[in-house]
């Protein structure tokens, strides 16, 4: 599947987030893979307030929220699925 790109963020749904995290993250929902200017990781969303972030093994890094939402919208359009 082609990765929808918006600004410096691209998402791949469902992608392969298990390459980047090896266990469930309490309080976070795993959505797919994300790539930004820093690198690639699991695309996760905090279940309480809905903040999108990139998770890699032991770190969670916030992402540009508007860019992620726009890339997610394009990913949903391409896959025909709603996340």
N, C-alpha and C. Protein backbone atom coordinates (compact mmCIF):
# COMPACT_ATOMS: atom_id res chain seq x y z
N UNK A 1 0.84 -1.17 0.00
CA UNK A 1 0.00 0.00 0.00
C UNK A 1 0.89 1.24 0.00
N UNK A 2 0.47 2.25 -0.73
CA UNK A 2 1.21 3.50 -0.77
C UNK A 2 0.94 4.29 0.50
N UNK A 3 1.96 4.94 1.03
CA UNK A 3 1.83 5.71 2.25
C UNK A 3 1.32 7.11 1.94
N UNK A 4 0.18 7.51 2.53
CA UNK A 4 -0.27 8.89 2.36
C UNK A 4 0.71 9.84 3.04
N UNK A 5 1.13 10.87 2.34
CA UNK A 5 2.10 11.82 2.88
C UNK A 5 1.46 13.21 2.99
N UNK A 6 1.60 13.81 4.14
CA UNK A 6 1.15 15.19 4.34
C UNK A 6 2.29 15.89 5.07
N UNK A 7 2.79 16.99 4.51
CA UNK A 7 3.91 17.68 5.15
C UNK A 7 5.08 16.73 5.30
N UNK A 8 5.55 16.58 6.51
CA UNK A 8 6.68 15.70 6.75
C UNK A 8 6.25 14.39 7.41
N UNK A 9 4.95 14.09 7.41
CA UNK A 9 4.44 12.89 8.07
C UNK A 9 3.75 11.99 7.05
N UNK A 10 4.08 10.69 7.09
CA UNK A 10 3.36 9.72 6.28
C UNK A 10 2.90 8.58 7.19
N UNK A 11 1.76 8.00 6.87
CA UNK A 11 1.23 6.90 7.66
C UNK A 11 0.98 5.70 6.78
N UNK A 12 1.06 4.52 7.37
CA UNK A 12 0.78 3.26 6.70
C UNK A 12 -0.15 2.48 7.61
N UNK A 13 -1.39 2.26 7.13
CA UNK A 13 -2.36 1.54 7.93
C UNK A 13 -2.73 0.27 7.19
N UNK A 14 -2.57 -0.91 7.74
CA UNK A 14 -2.20 -1.15 9.11
C UNK A 14 -0.69 -1.12 9.36
N UNK A 15 0.11 -1.20 8.29
CA UNK A 15 1.55 -1.18 8.49
C UNK A 15 2.01 -2.38 9.30
N UNK A 16 3.18 -2.25 9.91
CA UNK A 16 3.72 -3.32 10.75
C UNK A 16 4.27 -2.71 12.03
N UNK A 17 3.39 -2.22 12.91
CA UNK A 17 3.87 -1.56 14.12
C UNK A 17 4.65 -2.47 15.07
N UNK A 18 4.46 -3.78 14.94
CA UNK A 18 5.19 -4.70 15.83
C UNK A 18 6.69 -4.69 15.57
N UNK A 19 7.14 -4.12 14.44
CA UNK A 19 8.58 -3.95 14.20
C UNK A 19 9.17 -2.93 15.17
N UNK A 20 8.33 -2.06 15.73
CA UNK A 20 8.81 -0.93 16.51
C UNK A 20 8.51 -1.04 18.01
N UNK A 21 7.47 -1.79 18.35
CA UNK A 21 7.14 -1.99 19.76
C UNK A 21 6.92 -3.48 19.98
N UNK A 22 7.37 -3.97 21.12
CA UNK A 22 7.30 -5.41 21.36
C UNK A 22 6.30 -5.81 22.45
N UNK A 23 5.55 -4.83 22.97
CA UNK A 23 4.54 -5.15 23.98
C UNK A 23 3.46 -4.07 23.96
N UNK A 24 2.28 -4.38 24.50
CA UNK A 24 1.22 -3.36 24.54
C UNK A 24 1.66 -2.16 25.38
N UNK A 25 1.19 -0.99 25.02
CA UNK A 25 1.50 0.23 25.75
C UNK A 25 0.24 0.66 26.50
N UNK A 26 0.28 0.62 27.82
CA UNK A 26 -0.87 0.98 28.62
C UNK A 26 -1.32 2.41 28.31
N UNK A 27 -2.59 2.57 27.99
CA UNK A 27 -3.13 3.89 27.71
C UNK A 27 -2.96 4.36 26.28
N UNK A 28 -2.42 3.51 25.41
CA UNK A 28 -2.19 3.88 24.01
C UNK A 28 -2.82 2.85 23.08
N UNK A 29 -3.42 3.32 22.00
CA UNK A 29 -4.01 2.48 20.96
C UNK A 29 -3.05 2.47 19.78
N UNK A 30 -2.72 1.29 19.27
CA UNK A 30 -1.80 1.17 18.14
C UNK A 30 -2.62 1.21 16.84
N UNK A 31 -2.25 2.14 15.92
CA UNK A 31 -3.02 2.34 14.70
C UNK A 31 -2.31 1.87 13.43
N UNK A 32 -0.99 1.87 13.42
CA UNK A 32 -0.25 1.52 12.22
C UNK A 32 1.20 1.96 12.35
N UNK A 33 1.78 2.37 11.22
CA UNK A 33 3.16 2.88 11.20
C UNK A 33 3.15 4.33 10.76
N UNK A 34 4.13 5.08 11.25
CA UNK A 34 4.26 6.49 10.89
C UNK A 34 5.72 6.80 10.62
N UNK A 35 5.95 7.67 9.64
CA UNK A 35 7.30 8.14 9.34
C UNK A 35 7.27 9.65 9.31
N UNK A 36 8.24 10.26 9.98
CA UNK A 36 8.41 11.71 9.90
C UNK A 36 9.87 12.00 9.65
N UNK A 37 10.29 13.26 9.76
CA UNK A 37 11.67 13.63 9.44
C UNK A 37 12.69 13.02 10.40
N UNK A 38 12.22 12.47 11.53
CA UNK A 38 13.12 11.87 12.51
C UNK A 38 13.29 10.37 12.27
N UNK A 39 12.21 9.69 11.85
CA UNK A 39 12.30 8.25 11.64
C UNK A 39 10.94 7.60 11.54
N UNK A 40 10.94 6.28 11.62
CA UNK A 40 9.72 5.48 11.51
C UNK A 40 9.46 4.77 12.81
N UNK A 41 8.17 4.62 13.15
CA UNK A 41 7.79 3.91 14.35
C UNK A 41 6.33 3.52 14.29
N UNK A 42 5.84 2.99 15.39
CA UNK A 42 4.42 2.64 15.48
C UNK A 42 3.62 3.92 15.68
N UNK A 43 2.53 4.07 14.93
CA UNK A 43 1.63 5.21 15.12
C UNK A 43 0.69 4.83 16.25
N UNK A 44 0.72 5.61 17.32
CA UNK A 44 -0.12 5.34 18.48
C UNK A 44 -0.94 6.57 18.83
N UNK A 45 -2.09 6.33 19.49
CA UNK A 45 -2.95 7.42 19.93
C UNK A 45 -3.26 7.21 21.41
N UNK A 46 -3.04 8.24 22.20
CA UNK A 46 -3.32 8.19 23.63
C UNK A 46 -4.83 8.11 23.80
N UNK A 47 -5.29 7.13 24.57
CA UNK A 47 -6.73 6.87 24.64
C UNK A 47 -7.52 7.92 25.40
N UNK A 48 -6.90 8.66 26.28
CA UNK A 48 -7.61 9.67 27.05
C UNK A 48 -7.88 10.95 26.28
N UNK A 49 -6.86 11.52 25.67
CA UNK A 49 -7.04 12.82 25.00
C UNK A 49 -6.84 12.75 23.49
N UNK A 50 -6.43 11.60 22.96
CA UNK A 50 -6.33 11.43 21.51
C UNK A 50 -5.09 11.97 20.85
N UNK A 51 -4.04 12.23 21.61
CA UNK A 51 -2.78 12.73 21.04
C UNK A 51 -2.10 11.62 20.24
N UNK A 52 -1.66 11.95 19.01
CA UNK A 52 -0.93 11.00 18.17
C UNK A 52 0.56 11.10 18.48
N UNK A 53 1.23 9.94 18.42
CA UNK A 53 2.67 9.91 18.70
C UNK A 53 3.31 8.76 17.93
N UNK A 54 4.64 8.79 17.88
CA UNK A 54 5.44 7.71 17.29
C UNK A 54 6.08 6.95 18.45
N UNK A 55 5.89 5.62 18.46
CA UNK A 55 6.47 4.79 19.52
C UNK A 55 7.56 3.91 18.94
N UNK A 56 8.69 3.88 19.62
CA UNK A 56 9.81 3.03 19.28
C UNK A 56 10.34 2.42 20.58
N UNK A 57 10.25 1.11 20.68
CA UNK A 57 10.72 0.36 21.85
C UNK A 57 10.46 1.07 23.18
N UNK A 58 11.33 1.97 23.60
CA UNK A 58 11.22 2.58 24.93
C UNK A 58 10.88 4.06 24.92
N UNK A 59 10.54 4.60 23.76
CA UNK A 59 10.23 6.03 23.69
C UNK A 59 8.91 6.29 22.98
N UNK A 60 8.24 7.34 23.40
CA UNK A 60 7.04 7.81 22.73
C UNK A 60 7.27 9.29 22.45
N UNK A 61 7.17 9.67 21.17
CA UNK A 61 7.46 11.03 20.76
C UNK A 61 6.22 11.65 20.10
N UNK A 62 5.84 12.82 20.56
CA UNK A 62 4.69 13.52 19.99
C UNK A 62 4.95 13.87 18.52
N UNK A 63 3.89 13.91 17.75
CA UNK A 63 3.97 14.24 16.33
C UNK A 63 3.15 15.50 16.05
N UNK A 64 3.36 16.14 14.89
CA UNK A 64 2.52 17.28 14.51
C UNK A 64 1.08 16.79 14.29
N UNK A 65 0.19 17.14 15.19
CA UNK A 65 -1.16 16.59 15.23
C UNK A 65 -1.95 16.83 13.95
N UNK A 66 -1.91 18.03 13.41
CA UNK A 66 -2.66 18.33 12.19
C UNK A 66 -2.15 17.52 11.00
N UNK A 67 -0.85 17.35 10.90
CA UNK A 67 -0.28 16.57 9.80
C UNK A 67 -0.68 15.11 9.91
N UNK A 68 -0.67 14.58 11.14
CA UNK A 68 -1.07 13.19 11.34
C UNK A 68 -2.54 13.01 10.97
N UNK A 69 -3.40 13.91 11.44
CA UNK A 69 -4.83 13.81 11.13
C UNK A 69 -5.07 13.84 9.62
N UNK A 70 -4.37 14.73 8.92
CA UNK A 70 -4.53 14.83 7.47
C UNK A 70 -4.04 13.56 6.77
N UNK A 71 -2.89 13.02 7.21
CA UNK A 71 -2.36 11.80 6.62
C UNK A 71 -3.27 10.61 6.94
N UNK A 72 -3.86 10.59 8.15
CA UNK A 72 -4.80 9.53 8.51
C UNK A 72 -6.04 9.60 7.63
N UNK A 73 -6.53 10.79 7.37
CA UNK A 73 -7.71 10.96 6.52
C UNK A 73 -7.44 10.42 5.12
N UNK A 74 -6.27 10.71 4.58
CA UNK A 74 -5.91 10.19 3.27
C UNK A 74 -5.76 8.67 3.31
N UNK A 75 -5.21 8.13 4.40
CA UNK A 75 -5.05 6.68 4.53
C UNK A 75 -6.41 6.00 4.57
N UNK A 76 -7.36 6.59 5.28
CA UNK A 76 -8.71 6.02 5.36
C UNK A 76 -9.35 6.04 3.98
N UNK A 77 -9.17 7.11 3.24
CA UNK A 77 -9.73 7.22 1.89
C UNK A 77 -9.14 6.15 0.98
N UNK A 78 -7.82 5.94 1.06
CA UNK A 78 -7.17 4.96 0.20
C UNK A 78 -7.55 3.53 0.55
N UNK A 79 -7.71 3.23 1.85
CA UNK A 79 -8.02 1.86 2.26
C UNK A 79 -9.52 1.59 2.28
N UNK A 80 -10.33 2.66 2.31
CA UNK A 80 -11.76 2.48 2.41
C UNK A 80 -12.22 2.11 3.80
N UNK A 81 -11.30 2.18 4.77
CA UNK A 81 -11.60 1.82 6.15
C UNK A 81 -11.65 3.08 7.00
N UNK A 82 -12.37 3.02 8.07
CA UNK A 82 -12.35 4.11 9.04
C UNK A 82 -11.62 3.63 10.27
N UNK A 83 -10.74 4.47 10.78
CA UNK A 83 -9.98 4.15 11.99
C UNK A 83 -10.58 4.86 13.16
